[in-house]
Amino acid sequence: MSGPVRVAVAVVESDGHVLVGVRGNGQSLSGLNEFPGGKCLFDETTRAAAVRECREETGLIVIPRRHLATTTHTYDHDEVELDFWHCCLSPDLPGLARPHEPFRWVPVAELHTLEFPAGNQDALRRLQERHGA
C-alpha cells in the first residue's frame, strides 16, 4: 500500500479576494469549487508543487508565504493528503491579475457561499478565521 496521494494546493490571496475555480465535467468532484493545485511530482516539495500547479492552471506566478493546513481525506476515488499553502501574487503582477478560466477572484467574505470538496474545509475555516469572516 503506497499511502495517500500527495496534493499541493495554492490558496492565492490578493486585495481581499481568493483565486477559485470550478472542477470541470469528467473530473472527480466535478462542479465543486477548488483552489489551484494538483499532485506532487516525485521528490517535489508541496511548496514547490503549489507554485508549479498554480502557474500551470491559472497562468499566474505566486509566492508561497506560509503553510495553511494539511488534511488527509478519503474520497470515493482516492485517499489524498492535501497540503495548503497561503500564497500571494508575484510583485510583478497587478492585484487581481486575470487568471486562466475557470479560475476567478472571489471575495474571502463570500467563500462560505461556495461548495468545495470536503477535504478543503479545514483550510477554508482557517482562512475565514484569519479574516474574521
C-alpha atoms as a PDB file:
ATOM      1  CA  MET A   1       0.000   0.000   0.000  1.00  0.00           C
ATOM      2  CA  SER A   2       1.507   3.329  -1.046  1.00  0.00           C
ATOM      3  CA  GLY A   3      -0.461   5.697   1.191  1.00  0.00           C
ATOM      4  CA  PRO A   4      -2.389   8.820   0.278  1.00  0.00           C
ATOM      5  CA  VAL A   5      -1.701  10.794  -2.895  1.00  0.00           C
ATOM      6  CA  ARG A   6       0.242  13.974  -2.057  1.00  0.00           C
ATOM      7  CA  VAL A   7      -1.575  17.042  -3.356  1.00  0.00           C
ATOM      8  CA  ALA A   8      -0.353  20.634  -3.112  1.00  0.00           C
ATOM      9  CA  VAL A   9      -2.861  23.485  -3.051  1.00  0.00           C
ATOM     10  CA  ALA A  10      -2.216  27.214  -3.576  1.00  0.00           C
ATOM     11  CA  VAL A  11      -4.623  29.448  -1.667  1.00  0.00           C
ATOM     12  CA  VAL A  12      -3.824  32.671  -3.524  1.00  0.00           C
ATOM     13  CA  GLU A  13      -4.976  35.879  -1.884  1.00  0.00           C
ATOM     14  CA  SER A  14      -4.922  39.416  -3.295  1.00  0.00           C
ATOM     15  CA  ASP A  15      -6.845  42.537  -2.286  1.00  0.00           C
ATOM     16  CA  GLY A  16      -9.253  40.603  -0.032  1.00  0.00           C
ATOM     17  CA  HIS A  17     -10.025  38.063  -2.766  1.00  0.00           C
ATOM     18  CA  VAL A  18      -9.019  34.416  -3.257  1.00  0.00           C
ATOM     19  CA  LEU A  19      -8.410  32.583  -6.523  1.00  0.00           C
ATOM     20  CA  VAL A  20     -11.113  29.915  -7.047  1.00  0.00           C
ATOM     21  CA  GLY A  21     -12.017  27.649  -9.965  1.00  0.00           C
ATOM     22  CA  VAL A  22     -14.741  25.100 -10.706  1.00  0.00           C
ATOM     23  CA  ARG A  23     -13.877  21.461 -11.377  1.00  0.00           C
ATOM     24  CA  GLY A  24     -14.880  20.515 -14.909  1.00  0.00           C
ATOM     25  CA  ASN A  25     -17.109  17.764 -16.235  1.00  0.00           C
ATOM     26  CA  GLY A  26     -15.349  14.436 -16.381  1.00  0.00           C
ATOM     27  CA  GLN A  27     -13.169  15.248 -13.372  1.00  0.00           C
ATOM     28  CA  SER A  28     -13.721  13.689  -9.999  1.00  0.00           C
ATOM     29  CA  LEU A  29     -15.766  16.046  -7.796  1.00  0.00           C
ATOM     30  CA  SER A  30     -16.947  17.906 -10.916  1.00  0.00           C
ATOM     31  CA  GLY A  31     -18.928  21.078 -10.341  1.00  0.00           C
ATOM     32  CA  LEU A  32     -17.309  21.781  -6.976  1.00  0.00           C
ATOM     33  CA  ASN A  33     -15.136  24.820  -6.382  1.00  0.00           C
ATOM     34  CA  GLU A  34     -11.410  24.412  -5.885  1.00  0.00           C
ATOM     35  CA  PHE A  35      -8.196  26.286  -5.309  1.00  0.00           C
ATOM     36  CA  PRO A  36      -5.366  25.792  -7.845  1.00  0.00           C
ATOM     37  CA  GLY A  37      -3.387  22.659  -7.089  1.00  0.00           C
ATOM     38  CA  GLY A  38      -2.541  19.120  -8.007  1.00  0.00           C
ATOM     39  CA  LYS A  39      -0.421  16.061  -7.414  1.00  0.00           C
ATOM     40  CA  CYS A  40       3.198  16.461  -6.381  1.00  0.00           C
ATOM     41  CA  LEU A  41       5.865  15.128  -8.701  1.00  0.00           C
ATOM     42  CA  PHE A  42       8.318  12.550  -7.376  1.00  0.00           C
ATOM     43  CA  ASP A  43      10.643  14.235  -4.861  1.00  0.00           C
ATOM     44  CA  GLU A  44       8.879  17.628  -5.243  1.00  0.00           C
ATOM     45  CA  THR A  45       8.000  19.571  -2.091  1.00  0.00           C
ATOM     46  CA  THR A  46       4.391  20.572  -1.643  1.00  0.00           C
ATOM     47  CA  ARG A  47       5.517  24.200  -1.524  1.00  0.00           C
ATOM     48  CA  ALA A  48       7.148  23.919  -4.972  1.00  0.00           C
ATOM     49  CA  ALA A  49       4.223  21.898  -6.345  1.00  0.00           C
ATOM     50  CA  ALA A  50       1.720  24.560  -5.226  1.00  0.00           C
ATOM     51  CA  VAL A  51       3.649  27.207  -7.195  1.00  0.00           C
ATOM     52  CA  ARG A  52       4.021  24.948 -10.270  1.00  0.00           C
ATOM     53  CA  GLU A  53       0.394  23.822 -10.298  1.00  0.00           C
ATOM     54  CA  CYS A  54      -0.880  27.382  -9.861  1.00  0.00           C
ATOM     55  CA  ARG A  55       1.170  28.585 -12.824  1.00  0.00           C
ATOM     56  CA  GLU A  56       0.057  25.646 -14.989  1.00  0.00           C
ATOM     57  CA  GLU A  57      -3.632  26.043 -14.119  1.00  0.00           C
ATOM     58  CA  THR A  58      -4.012  29.827 -13.870  1.00  0.00           C
ATOM     59  CA  GLY A  59      -1.043  31.323 -15.733  1.00  0.00           C
ATOM     60  CA  LEU A  60      -0.157  33.327 -12.604  1.00  0.00           C
ATOM     61  CA  ILE A  61       3.123  33.294 -10.710  1.00  0.00           C
ATOM     62  CA  VAL A  62       2.705  33.111  -6.956  1.00  0.00           C
ATOM     63  CA  ILE A  63       4.902  33.237  -3.887  1.00  0.00           C
ATOM     64  CA  PRO A  64       4.093  30.855  -1.020  1.00  0.00           C
ATOM     65  CA  ARG A  65       4.047  32.832   2.247  1.00  0.00           C
ATOM     66  CA  ARG A  66       3.134  30.230   4.841  1.00  0.00           C
ATOM     67  CA  HIS A  67       1.750  26.773   5.315  1.00  0.00           C
ATOM     68  CA  LEU A  68      -2.000  26.993   5.965  1.00  0.00           C
ATOM     69  CA  ALA A  69      -3.117  23.414   6.696  1.00  0.00           C
ATOM     70  CA  THR A  70      -2.559  19.736   5.966  1.00  0.00           C
ATOM     71  CA  THR A  71      -5.549  17.419   5.735  1.00  0.00           C
ATOM     72  CA  THR A  72      -5.874  13.764   4.813  1.00  0.00           C
ATOM     73  CA  HIS A  73      -9.229  12.895   3.293  1.00  0.00           C
ATOM     74  CA  THR A  74     -10.656   9.755   1.734  1.00  0.00           C
ATOM     75  CA  TYR A  75     -12.886  10.300  -1.294  1.00  0.00           C
ATOM     76  CA  ASP A  76     -14.612   7.566  -3.297  1.00  0.00           C
ATOM     77  CA  HIS A  77     -11.890   7.833  -5.971  1.00  0.00           C
ATOM     78  CA  ASP A  78      -8.762   8.064  -3.751  1.00  0.00           C
ATOM     79  CA  GLU A  79      -7.201   8.980  -0.424  1.00  0.00           C
ATOM     80  CA  VAL A  80      -5.356  12.302  -0.583  1.00  0.00           C
ATOM     81  CA  GLU A  81      -3.077  14.290   1.671  1.00  0.00           C
ATOM     82  CA  LEU A  82      -3.824  17.940   0.885  1.00  0.00           C
ATOM     83  CA  ASP A  83      -1.124  20.448   1.765  1.00  0.00           C
ATOM     84  CA  PHE A  84      -2.473  24.026   1.564  1.00  0.00           C
ATOM     85  CA  TRP A  85      -0.100  26.976   1.054  1.00  0.00           C
ATOM     86  CA  HIS A  86      -1.199  30.562   1.587  1.00  0.00           C
ATOM     87  CA  CYS A  87       0.250  32.456  -1.395  1.00  0.00           C
ATOM     88  CA  CYS A  88       0.377  35.967  -2.818  1.00  0.00           C
ATOM     89  CA  LEU A  89       0.858  37.111  -6.394  1.00  0.00           C
ATOM     90  CA  SER A  90       4.347  37.832  -7.677  1.00  0.00           C
ATOM     91  CA  PRO A  91       5.162  41.547  -7.170  1.00  0.00           C
ATOM     92  CA  ASP A  92       5.419  41.842 -10.974  1.00  0.00           C
ATOM     93  CA  LEU A  93       1.677  41.156 -11.300  1.00  0.00           C
ATOM     94  CA  PRO A  94      -1.116  43.640 -10.602  1.00  0.00           C
ATOM     95  CA  GLY A  95      -3.580  42.889  -7.793  1.00  0.00           C
ATOM     96  CA  LEU A  96      -6.369  40.653  -9.112  1.00  0.00           C
ATOM     97  CA  ALA A  97      -4.377  39.805 -12.251  1.00  0.00           C
ATOM     98  CA  ARG A  98      -6.534  37.927 -14.763  1.00  0.00           C
ATOM     99  CA  PRO A  99      -6.229  34.125 -14.374  1.00  0.00           C
ATOM    100  CA  HIS A 100      -6.982  31.459 -16.980  1.00  0.00           C
ATOM    101  CA  GLU A 101     -10.546  30.126 -16.906  1.00  0.00           C
ATOM    102  CA  PRO A 102     -12.166  28.522 -14.991  1.00  0.00           C
ATOM    103  CA  PHE A 103     -10.405  30.457 -12.223  1.00  0.00           C
ATOM    104  CA  ARG A 104     -11.704  33.772 -10.926  1.00  0.00           C
ATOM    105  CA  TRP A 105     -11.279  36.070  -7.918  1.00  0.00           C
ATOM    106  CA  VAL A 106     -13.824  35.607  -5.122  1.00  0.00           C
ATOM    107  CA  PRO A 107     -14.052  37.883  -2.064  1.00  0.00           C
ATOM    108  CA  VAL A 108     -12.968  35.996   1.074  1.00  0.00           C
ATOM    109  CA  ALA A 109     -16.262  37.033   2.706  1.00  0.00           C
ATOM    110  CA  GLU A 110     -18.163  35.076   0.000  1.00  0.00           C
ATOM    111  CA  LEU A 111     -16.262  31.778   0.261  1.00  0.00           C
ATOM    112  CA  HIS A 112     -18.905  30.376   2.628  1.00  0.00           C
ATOM    113  CA  THR A 113     -21.453  30.587  -0.233  1.00  0.00           C
ATOM    114  CA  LEU A 114     -19.429  28.202  -2.440  1.00  0.00           C
ATOM    115  CA  GLU A 115     -19.344  24.405  -2.327  1.00  0.00           C
ATOM    116  CA  PHE A 116     -15.841  22.918  -2.019  1.00  0.00           C
ATOM    117  CA  PRO A 117     -14.728  19.287  -1.646  1.00  0.00           C
ATOM    118  CA  ALA A 118     -14.854  18.066   1.958  1.00  0.00           C
ATOM    119  CA  GLY A 119     -11.041  17.943   2.220  1.00  0.00           C
ATOM    120  CA  ASN A 120     -10.907  21.747   1.897  1.00  0.00           C
ATOM    121  CA  GLN A 121     -12.982  22.540   4.988  1.00  0.00           C
ATOM    122  CA  ASP A 122     -10.132  22.995   7.499  1.00  0.00           C
ATOM    123  CA  ALA A 123      -8.198  25.320   5.173  1.00  0.00           C
ATOM    124  CA  LEU A 124     -11.365  27.310   4.427  1.00  0.00           C
ATOM    125  CA  ARG A 125     -12.116  27.663   8.137  1.00  0.00           C
ATOM    126  CA  ARG A 126      -8.570  28.876   8.862  1.00  0.00           C
ATOM    127  CA  LEU A 127      -8.666  31.377   6.015  1.00  0.00           C
ATOM    128  CA  GLN A 128     -12.037  32.770   7.089  1.00  0.00           C
ATOM    129  CA  GLU A 129     -10.940  32.980  10.749  1.00  0.00           C
ATOM    130  CA  ARG A 130      -7.916  34.967   9.635  1.00  0.00           C
ATOM    131  CA  HIS A 131     -10.263  37.467   8.007  1.00  0.00           C
ATOM    132  CA  GLY A 132     -12.880  37.451  10.736  1.00  0.00           C
ATOM    133  CA  ALA A 133     -15.445  36.063   8.294  1.00  0.00           C
END
